[in-house]
Amino acid sequence: MPTKFTSKKIFKVIMVCLIATLLIFWNPNNFFGGVRNFFIGATLPVQKFFSTSAEKVYSFGEAISSIGKIKKENKSLIEENLRLKAQNVKFEDVLKENENLRNQLNILSRKEFNLESARIIGKDIYNNNSWILIDKGRKNGLEKGMTVIVADGILVGKVEEIFDSTAKVVFITEKSMNINVETVETGAVGIVKGDYGLGLIMDLVLQTDVLKVGDKIITSDISQDIPRGLLVGEIKEISSAGNDLFQRAVVSLPVDFFKLRFVFVIKNANNQ
């Protein structure tokens, strides 16, 4: 019974407060103007607190949202940057290849020979790096035995096997290669042999011929299948004894064959 009475009492108080509040804010005929102003003034600090808090919460939410947007934009920028870097590297590689090919096309031999440019698409990795595979073959007019060179008329090797669209080129460093050569400065003649894929040896040079370290070696006109005047290398070391019938010399290569990307096949060597 006391509990029921208390509940009714509380209900009445709440209803009176609600009616009073409505009358104060509704303020008919400005009857409660003073009370309304007093109430607003008294609750102003509370209003300011809640207003400031709401602004801070909103600002915090905006900051969180902005951070999310920035992270998303940053991720997009990083991905775009990586994509552009990849494209730039690819573009630089293409430019380098084009420059390399353009330089090689400007060699003097271009005026003398019918050259077929070819890209290296495979290399020997099991037999002392003695051969390469190029992307030109029988359908491009290539034949077995054709001479292969690079820029400035440097001799690289010969076509050993021919296929429809590819060909196998054996380096002059292969042990089976024997090339008739002569030195530029002294005119000494001999034969250059491959040293098991490791380098070149100039052999069968008469003792009466003069060999000098640093002298350049070129192909001679004795060979029927290789044009004269192609650069083979230069003398690095001379090996000769007084009682030997012939002189020998170690020959250094003018280029690193394993770093080549393009070569040229001479298609009309027999017509020279």
Protein backbone atom coordinates (compact mmCIF):
# COMPACT_ATOMS: atom_id res chain seq x y z
CA MET A 1 0.00 0.00 0.00
CA PRO A 2 2.75 2.54 0.88
CA THR A 3 4.58 1.50 -2.31
CA LYS A 4 1.49 2.14 -4.44
CA PHE A 5 0.99 5.52 -2.79
CA THR A 6 4.64 6.47 -3.40
CA SER A 7 4.44 5.50 -7.07
CA LYS A 8 1.35 7.68 -7.57
CA LYS A 9 3.10 10.51 -5.84
CA ILE A 10 6.17 10.23 -8.06
CA PHE A 11 3.99 10.04 -11.13
CA LYS A 12 2.18 13.21 -10.14
CA VAL A 13 5.46 15.04 -9.54
CA ILE A 14 6.78 13.95 -12.96
CA MET A 15 3.58 15.06 -14.69
CA VAL A 16 3.68 18.46 -12.93
CA CYS A 17 7.32 18.92 -13.97
CA LEU A 18 6.57 18.00 -17.58
CA ILE A 19 3.57 20.38 -17.73
CA ALA A 20 5.61 23.15 -16.13
CA THR A 21 8.47 22.57 -18.59
CA LEU A 22 6.10 22.64 -21.54
CA LEU A 23 4.46 25.83 -20.32
CA ILE A 24 7.84 27.49 -19.75
CA PHE A 25 9.19 26.66 -23.27
CA TRP A 26 5.81 27.22 -24.96
CA ASN A 27 5.47 30.46 -23.00
CA PRO A 28 1.91 31.58 -23.97
CA ASN A 29 1.59 35.35 -24.09
CA ASN A 30 5.16 35.53 -22.73
CA PHE A 31 3.69 34.77 -19.27
CA PHE A 32 6.60 32.62 -18.20
CA GLY A 33 9.29 34.69 -19.93
CA GLY A 34 11.25 35.38 -16.76
CA VAL A 35 11.13 31.81 -15.60
CA ARG A 36 12.05 30.60 -19.07
CA ASN A 37 15.05 32.92 -19.26
CA PHE A 38 16.14 31.85 -15.77
CA PHE A 39 15.85 28.19 -16.69
CA ILE A 40 17.80 28.65 -19.92
CA GLY A 41 20.49 30.63 -18.13
CA ALA A 42 20.74 28.03 -15.37
CA THR A 43 21.13 25.19 -17.86
CA LEU A 44 23.45 27.09 -20.23
CA PRO A 45 26.68 25.51 -18.85
CA VAL A 46 25.14 22.09 -19.27
CA GLN A 47 24.09 22.96 -22.83
CA LYS A 48 27.58 24.23 -23.62
CA PHE A 49 29.12 21.07 -22.19
CA PHE A 50 26.94 18.80 -24.29
CA SER A 51 27.37 21.00 -27.37
CA THR A 52 31.16 21.04 -26.99
CA SER A 53 31.21 17.31 -26.37
CA ALA A 54 29.08 16.69 -29.43
CA GLU A 55 31.44 18.83 -31.56
CA LYS A 56 34.45 16.93 -30.22
CA VAL A 57 32.83 13.60 -30.95
CA TYR A 58 31.93 14.80 -34.44
CA SER A 59 35.47 16.10 -35.00
CA PHE A 60 36.91 12.82 -33.73
CA GLY A 61 34.66 10.92 -36.09
CA GLU A 62 35.70 13.18 -38.97
CA ALA A 63 39.36 12.62 -38.06
CA ILE A 64 38.90 8.85 -38.03
CA SER A 65 37.10 9.04 -41.36
CA SER A 66 39.84 11.27 -42.79
CA ILE A 67 42.55 8.85 -41.61
CA GLY A 68 40.71 6.03 -43.34
CA LYS A 69 40.46 8.06 -46.55
CA ILE A 70 44.14 9.05 -46.34
CA LYS A 71 45.19 5.43 -45.84
CA LYS A 72 43.09 4.35 -48.79
CA GLU A 73 44.46 7.15 -50.99
CA ASN A 74 48.00 6.40 -49.80
CA LYS A 75 47.59 2.73 -50.70
CA SER A 76 46.31 3.72 -54.15
CA LEU A 77 49.26 6.10 -54.61
CA ILE A 78 51.75 3.39 -53.58
CA GLU A 79 50.20 0.92 -56.01
CA GLU A 80 50.22 3.52 -58.78
CA ASN A 81 53.84 4.40 -57.99
CA LEU A 82 54.87 0.73 -58.19
CA ARG A 83 53.00 0.34 -61.47
CA LEU A 84 54.71 3.41 -62.93
CA LYS A 85 58.12 2.18 -61.73
CA ALA A 86 57.53 -1.17 -63.42
CA GLN A 87 56.48 0.56 -66.64
CA ASN A 88 59.50 2.87 -66.43
CA VAL A 89 61.90 -0.06 -65.99
CA LYS A 90 60.29 -1.85 -68.93
CA PHE A 91 60.50 1.34 -71.03
CA GLU A 92 64.17 1.84 -70.13
CA ASP A 93 64.89 -1.77 -71.03
CA VAL A 94 63.21 -1.32 -74.42
CA LEU A 95 65.17 1.90 -75.01
CA LYS A 96 68.39 0.13 -74.09
CA GLU A 97 67.64 -2.73 -76.47
CA ASN A 98 66.75 -0.31 -79.27
CA GLU A 99 69.92 1.71 -78.68
CA ASN A 100 71.99 -1.46 -78.65
CA LEU A 101 70.41 -2.68 -81.88
CA ARG A 102 70.74 0.77 -83.49
CA ASN A 103 74.45 0.94 -82.60
CA GLN A 104 75.07 -2.48 -84.04
CA LEU A 105 73.16 -1.65 -87.22
CA ASN A 106 75.55 1.26 -87.80
CA ILE A 107 78.60 -0.99 -88.13
CA LEU A 108 80.75 -0.62 -91.24
CA SER A 109 80.07 -4.22 -92.26
CA ARG A 110 76.45 -3.29 -92.91
CA LYS A 111 77.57 -1.75 -96.20
CA GLU A 112 79.49 -4.88 -97.20
CA PHE A 113 77.23 -7.70 -96.04
CA ASN A 114 73.62 -8.70 -96.14
CA LEU A 115 72.97 -8.92 -92.40
CA GLU A 116 70.09 -10.60 -90.59
CA SER A 117 69.64 -9.26 -87.05
CA ALA A 118 68.65 -11.81 -84.41
CA ARG A 119 67.82 -11.80 -80.73
CA ILE A 120 69.45 -14.32 -78.40
CA ILE A 121 66.70 -16.42 -76.83
CA GLY A 122 68.70 -19.26 -75.28
CA LYS A 123 72.19 -20.10 -74.00
CA ASP A 124 74.21 -23.20 -73.26
CA ILE A 125 74.47 -23.69 -69.50
CA TYR A 126 75.87 -27.23 -69.44
CA ASN A 127 78.78 -27.36 -71.91
CA ASN A 128 81.10 -24.46 -71.01
CA ASN A 129 78.64 -21.90 -72.44
CA SER A 130 79.75 -22.74 -75.96
CA TRP A 131 76.59 -21.87 -77.92
CA ILE A 132 73.50 -19.66 -78.10
CA LEU A 133 70.05 -19.98 -79.65
CA ILE A 134 68.76 -17.12 -81.83
CA ASP A 135 65.22 -16.27 -82.95
CA LYS A 136 65.89 -16.50 -86.70
CA GLY A 137 66.05 -19.64 -88.80
CA ARG A 138 65.47 -21.28 -92.15
CA LYS A 139 62.41 -19.17 -93.01
CA ASN A 140 64.61 -16.05 -92.61
CA GLY A 141 67.10 -17.32 -95.17
CA LEU A 142 69.67 -18.62 -92.68
CA GLU A 143 71.82 -21.64 -93.50
CA LYS A 144 74.26 -23.85 -91.66
CA GLY A 145 77.83 -22.49 -91.62
CA MET A 146 76.87 -18.79 -91.88
CA THR A 147 79.09 -16.37 -89.97
CA VAL A 148 77.74 -14.54 -86.90
CA ILE A 149 79.08 -11.16 -85.78
CA VAL A 150 78.28 -8.21 -83.50
CA ALA A 151 78.97 -4.47 -83.64
CA ASP A 152 82.19 -3.26 -85.29
CA GLY A 153 82.50 -6.52 -87.21
CA ILE A 154 83.50 -8.66 -84.23
CA LEU A 155 83.39 -12.38 -84.98
CA VAL A 156 81.16 -14.34 -82.60
CA GLY A 157 80.73 -17.76 -84.17
CA LYS A 158 78.97 -19.78 -86.86
CA VAL A 159 75.52 -21.23 -87.37
CA GLU A 160 75.79 -24.94 -86.53
CA GLU A 161 72.17 -26.11 -86.57
CA ILE A 162 69.27 -24.59 -88.42
CA PHE A 163 65.55 -24.87 -87.68
CA ASP A 164 62.46 -23.24 -89.16
CA SER A 165 62.38 -20.19 -86.88
CA THR A 166 65.49 -20.60 -84.71
CA ALA A 167 69.15 -21.48 -85.09
CA LYS A 168 72.01 -22.69 -82.91
CA VAL A 169 75.17 -20.60 -83.03
CA VAL A 170 78.49 -22.02 -81.82
CA PHE A 171 81.00 -19.55 -80.36
CA ILE A 172 84.52 -19.32 -81.76
CA THR A 173 85.74 -20.38 -78.29
CA GLU A 174 84.32 -23.90 -78.88
CA LYS A 175 87.14 -26.49 -79.16
CA SER A 176 85.94 -27.65 -82.58
CA MET A 177 86.43 -24.19 -84.13
CA ASN A 178 89.52 -23.48 -86.27
CA ILE A 179 89.75 -20.07 -87.92
CA ASN A 180 92.46 -18.77 -90.25
CA VAL A 181 93.68 -15.43 -88.93
CA GLU A 182 96.42 -12.84 -89.20
CA THR A 183 97.69 -10.03 -87.01
CA VAL A 184 97.00 -6.45 -88.08
CA GLU A 185 100.34 -4.89 -87.16
CA THR A 186 102.87 -7.52 -88.24
CA GLY A 187 100.86 -9.68 -90.64
CA ALA A 188 101.69 -12.92 -88.80
CA VAL A 189 99.38 -15.72 -89.87
CA GLY A 190 98.07 -18.68 -87.95
CA ILE A 191 94.99 -20.52 -86.78
CA VAL A 192 92.79 -19.53 -83.85
CA LYS A 193 91.37 -22.46 -81.90
CA GLY A 194 88.77 -22.58 -79.19
CA ASP A 195 90.19 -23.43 -75.79
CA TYR A 196 87.35 -25.67 -74.57
CA GLY A 197 84.96 -22.73 -74.31
CA LEU A 198 87.31 -20.81 -72.01
CA GLY A 199 89.04 -18.58 -74.55
CA LEU A 200 91.15 -18.60 -77.70
CA ILE A 201 94.61 -19.80 -78.68
CA MET A 202 96.45 -18.61 -81.77
CA ASP A 203 98.53 -21.52 -82.98
CA LEU A 204 100.71 -22.67 -85.90
CA VAL A 205 102.47 -19.30 -86.20
CA LEU A 206 105.87 -19.64 -87.83
CA GLN A 207 108.91 -18.69 -85.78
CA THR A 208 109.86 -16.25 -88.51
CA ASP A 209 106.63 -14.30 -87.98
CA VAL A 210 106.53 -11.57 -85.38
CA LEU A 211 103.94 -11.63 -82.61
CA LYS A 212 103.41 -8.67 -80.28
CA VAL A 213 101.28 -8.42 -77.15
CA GLY A 214 98.32 -6.13 -77.84
CA ASP A 215 98.33 -6.74 -81.60
CA LYS A 216 94.84 -7.24 -83.00
CA ILE A 217 93.89 -10.45 -84.75
CA ILE A 218 91.50 -10.53 -87.71
CA THR A 219 90.16 -13.23 -90.01
CA SER A 220 92.32 -13.82 -93.09
CA ASP A 221 91.26 -14.37 -96.69
CA ILE A 222 92.38 -18.02 -96.57
CA SER A 223 89.02 -19.05 -95.07
CA GLN A 224 86.39 -19.71 -97.69
CA ASP A 225 83.34 -19.46 -95.42
CA ILE A 226 84.32 -16.55 -93.15
CA PRO A 227 84.86 -13.04 -94.59
CA ARG A 228 88.25 -11.41 -94.22
CA GLY A 229 88.82 -8.56 -91.76
CA LEU A 230 86.50 -9.56 -88.92
CA LEU A 231 87.95 -8.82 -85.50
CA VAL A 232 88.72 -11.94 -83.48
CA GLY A 233 90.62 -10.50 -80.50
CA GLU A 234 94.07 -9.33 -79.49
CA ILE A 235 97.23 -11.05 -78.31
CA LYS A 236 97.36 -11.24 -74.54
CA GLU A 237 100.34 -13.54 -73.98
CA ILE A 238 102.94 -15.21 -76.22
CA SER A 239 104.12 -18.74 -75.62
CA SER A 240 107.16 -19.77 -77.64
CA ALA A 241 110.40 -21.69 -77.15
CA GLY A 242 113.46 -21.52 -79.37
CA ASN A 243 113.30 -25.17 -80.35
CA ASP A 244 109.55 -25.11 -81.15
CA LEU A 245 108.53 -25.19 -84.78
CA PHE A 246 105.57 -22.83 -84.20
CA GLN A 247 104.65 -19.99 -81.88
CA ARG A 248 101.48 -19.88 -79.77
CA ALA A 249 99.63 -16.96 -78.22
CA VAL A 250 96.75 -16.53 -75.81
CA VAL A 251 94.05 -14.35 -77.35
CA SER A 252 91.66 -12.14 -75.35
CA LEU A 253 88.13 -11.59 -76.61
CA PRO A 254 86.99 -8.04 -77.44
CA VAL A 255 83.49 -8.60 -75.97
CA ASP A 256 81.86 -10.81 -73.37
CA PHE A 257 79.81 -13.23 -75.47
CA PHE A 258 77.57 -14.17 -72.56
CA LYS A 259 76.32 -10.61 -72.14
CA LEU A 260 75.19 -10.23 -75.75
CA ARG A 261 71.52 -9.70 -76.50
CA PHE A 262 71.65 -9.30 -80.28
CA VAL A 263 73.84 -10.72 -83.05
CA PHE A 264 73.97 -10.47 -86.84
CA VAL A 265 74.17 -13.31 -89.30
CA ILE A 266 76.10 -12.66 -92.53
CA LYS A 267 73.96 -14.15 -95.30
CA ASN A 268 76.21 -13.41 -98.29
CA ALA A 269 79.73 -14.21 -97.08
CA ASN A 270 80.50 -16.49 -100.03
CA ASN A 271 79.82 -13.63 -102.43
CA GLN A 272 82.55 -11.40 -101.01
